[in-house]
């Protein structure tokens, strides 16, 4: 199978946890509940940036995005960045 490269596509999102809400929640909720909420926020953000990457690839006419990679980083206290990138390709029938 042959394919054409469209190039590397990237997308990112920055999410900030409200410190006041986090402090209030930490008094009323057990630690495992706080971890689940944080995990859900990260997963929802990851899904959001992945969907944007796929949409961008579709707009360019790509059939797939291969080699998808994720990178998470803390850029400030209570603020995280999630970066996703991959290579957009279009498949061709060999002739």
C-alpha atoms as a PDB file:
ATOM      1  CA  UNK A   1       0.000   0.000   0.000  1.00  0.00           C
ATOM      2  CA  UNK A   2       1.275   3.435  -0.915  1.00  0.00           C
ATOM      3  CA  UNK A   3       0.463   6.698   0.774  1.00  0.00           C
ATOM      4  CA  UNK A   4       1.188  10.402   0.497  1.00  0.00           C
ATOM      5  CA  UNK A   5       2.342  12.435   3.471  1.00  0.00           C
ATOM      6  CA  UNK A   6       0.491  15.659   4.246  1.00  0.00           C
ATOM      7  CA  UNK A   7       2.865  16.600   7.031  1.00  0.00           C
ATOM      8  CA  UNK A   8       2.884  16.668  10.790  1.00  0.00           C
ATOM      9  CA  UNK A   9      -0.199  18.131  12.446  1.00  0.00           C
ATOM     10  CA  UNK A  10      -0.232  19.389  16.019  1.00  0.00           C
ATOM     11  CA  UNK A  11      -2.806  20.750  18.416  1.00  0.00           C
ATOM     12  CA  UNK A  12      -2.700  21.717  22.070  1.00  0.00           C
ATOM     13  CA  UNK A  13      -4.864  22.895  24.950  1.00  0.00           C
ATOM     14  CA  UNK A  14      -4.067  24.594  28.220  1.00  0.00           C
ATOM     15  CA  UNK A  15      -6.290  23.872  31.224  1.00  0.00           C
ATOM     16  CA  UNK A  16      -6.184  25.636  34.563  1.00  0.00           C
ATOM     17  CA  UNK A  17      -7.647  24.288  37.768  1.00  0.00           C
ATOM     18  CA  UNK A  18      -9.277  27.030  39.796  1.00  0.00           C
ATOM     19  CA  UNK A  19      -7.213  27.230  43.015  1.00  0.00           C
ATOM     20  CA  UNK A  20     -10.101  28.359  45.208  1.00  0.00           C
ATOM     21  CA  UNK A  21     -12.332  25.534  43.997  1.00  0.00           C
ATOM     22  CA  UNK A  22      -9.467  23.069  44.436  1.00  0.00           C
ATOM     23  CA  UNK A  23      -8.893  24.186  48.035  1.00  0.00           C
ATOM     24  CA  UNK A  24     -12.604  23.988  48.876  1.00  0.00           C
ATOM     25  CA  UNK A  25     -12.912  20.558  47.264  1.00  0.00           C
ATOM     26  CA  UNK A  26      -9.839  19.275  49.115  1.00  0.00           C
ATOM     27  CA  UNK A  27     -11.565  19.914  52.462  1.00  0.00           C
ATOM     28  CA  UNK A  28     -14.761  18.078  51.534  1.00  0.00           C
ATOM     29  CA  UNK A  29     -13.609  15.252  49.307  1.00  0.00           C
ATOM     30  CA  UNK A  30     -11.243  12.366  49.886  1.00  0.00           C
ATOM     31  CA  UNK A  31      -7.964  12.336  47.951  1.00  0.00           C
ATOM     32  CA  UNK A  32      -9.030   9.510  45.622  1.00  0.00           C
ATOM     33  CA  UNK A  33     -12.079  11.556  44.526  1.00  0.00           C
ATOM     34  CA  UNK A  34      -9.866  14.569  43.769  1.00  0.00           C
ATOM     35  CA  UNK A  35      -7.541  12.318  41.742  1.00  0.00           C
ATOM     36  CA  UNK A  36     -10.520  10.967  39.757  1.00  0.00           C
ATOM     37  CA  UNK A  37     -11.725  14.509  38.998  1.00  0.00           C
ATOM     38  CA  UNK A  38      -8.236  15.544  37.877  1.00  0.00           C
ATOM     39  CA  UNK A  39      -7.863  12.382  35.779  1.00  0.00           C
ATOM     40  CA  UNK A  40     -11.235  13.065  34.120  1.00  0.00           C
ATOM     41  CA  UNK A  41     -10.198  16.658  33.326  1.00  0.00           C
ATOM     42  CA  UNK A  42      -6.977  15.429  31.713  1.00  0.00           C
ATOM     43  CA  UNK A  43      -8.763  12.704  29.715  1.00  0.00           C
ATOM     44  CA  UNK A  44     -11.470  15.100  28.530  1.00  0.00           C
ATOM     45  CA  UNK A  45      -8.808  17.577  27.418  1.00  0.00           C
ATOM     46  CA  UNK A  46      -6.856  14.825  25.651  1.00  0.00           C
ATOM     47  CA  UNK A  47     -10.030  13.761  23.819  1.00  0.00           C
ATOM     48  CA  UNK A  48     -10.689  17.391  22.868  1.00  0.00           C
ATOM     49  CA  UNK A  49      -7.261  17.967  21.304  1.00  0.00           C
ATOM     50  CA  UNK A  50      -7.328  14.577  19.574  1.00  0.00           C
ATOM     51  CA  UNK A  51     -10.688  15.362  17.987  1.00  0.00           C
ATOM     52  CA  UNK A  52      -9.374  18.743  16.786  1.00  0.00           C
ATOM     53  CA  UNK A  53      -6.342  16.982  15.253  1.00  0.00           C
ATOM     54  CA  UNK A  54      -8.582  14.491  13.424  1.00  0.00           C
ATOM     55  CA  UNK A  55     -10.868  17.275  12.193  1.00  0.00           C
ATOM     56  CA  UNK A  56      -7.895  19.226  10.858  1.00  0.00           C
ATOM     57  CA  UNK A  57      -6.602  16.135   9.047  1.00  0.00           C
ATOM     58  CA  UNK A  58     -10.027  15.509   7.500  1.00  0.00           C
ATOM     59  CA  UNK A  59     -10.216  19.116   6.313  1.00  0.00           C
ATOM     60  CA  UNK A  60      -6.884  18.638   4.514  1.00  0.00           C
ATOM     61  CA  UNK A  61      -8.136  15.434   2.858  1.00  0.00           C
ATOM     62  CA  UNK A  62      -6.130  12.929   4.889  1.00  0.00           C
ATOM     63  CA  UNK A  63      -7.372   9.358   5.325  1.00  0.00           C
ATOM     64  CA  UNK A  64      -5.547   8.780   8.605  1.00  0.00           C
ATOM     65  CA  UNK A  65      -3.197  10.273  11.128  1.00  0.00           C
ATOM     66  CA  UNK A  66      -0.383   7.926  12.085  1.00  0.00           C
ATOM     67  CA  UNK A  67       2.232   8.028  14.819  1.00  0.00           C
ATOM     68  CA  UNK A  68       0.078  10.030  17.221  1.00  0.00           C
ATOM     69  CA  UNK A  69       1.980  11.215  20.292  1.00  0.00           C
ATOM     70  CA  UNK A  70       0.858  13.009  23.431  1.00  0.00           C
ATOM     71  CA  UNK A  71       2.855  15.266  25.704  1.00  0.00           C
ATOM     72  CA  UNK A  72       1.656  16.663  29.020  1.00  0.00           C
ATOM     73  CA  UNK A  73       3.490  19.377  30.884  1.00  0.00           C
ATOM     74  CA  UNK A  74       2.858  21.595  33.876  1.00  0.00           C
ATOM     75  CA  UNK A  75       3.478  25.170  32.811  1.00  0.00           C
ATOM     76  CA  UNK A  76       2.458  26.815  36.092  1.00  0.00           C
ATOM     77  CA  UNK A  77       0.981  25.678  39.411  1.00  0.00           C
ATOM     78  CA  UNK A  78      -2.490  24.313  38.657  1.00  0.00           C
ATOM     79  CA  UNK A  79      -2.040  24.764  34.897  1.00  0.00           C
ATOM     80  CA  UNK A  80      -1.284  21.965  32.452  1.00  0.00           C
ATOM     81  CA  UNK A  81      -0.688  21.841  28.729  1.00  0.00           C
ATOM     82  CA  UNK A  82      -1.560  18.835  26.587  1.00  0.00           C
ATOM     83  CA  UNK A  83       0.041  18.601  23.144  1.00  0.00           C
ATOM     84  CA  UNK A  84      -0.921  16.018  20.530  1.00  0.00           C
ATOM     85  CA  UNK A  85       0.761  15.558  17.167  1.00  0.00           C
ATOM     86  CA  UNK A  86       0.877  13.023  14.348  1.00  0.00           C
ATOM     87  CA  UNK A  87       1.490  12.590  10.619  1.00  0.00           C
ATOM     88  CA  UNK A  88      -1.470  12.958   8.264  1.00  0.00           C
ATOM     89  CA  UNK A  89      -1.490  10.575   5.274  1.00  0.00           C
ATOM     90  CA  UNK A  90      -3.673   9.691   2.290  1.00  0.00           C
ATOM     91  CA  UNK A  91      -3.680   6.115   1.028  1.00  0.00           C
ATOM     92  CA  UNK A  92      -3.372   5.332  -2.696  1.00  0.00           C
ATOM     93  CA  UNK A  93      -3.978   2.153  -4.668  1.00  0.00           C
ATOM     94  CA  UNK A  94      -0.723   0.817  -6.169  1.00  0.00           C
ATOM     95  CA  UNK A  95      -0.848   0.849  -9.948  1.00  0.00           C
END
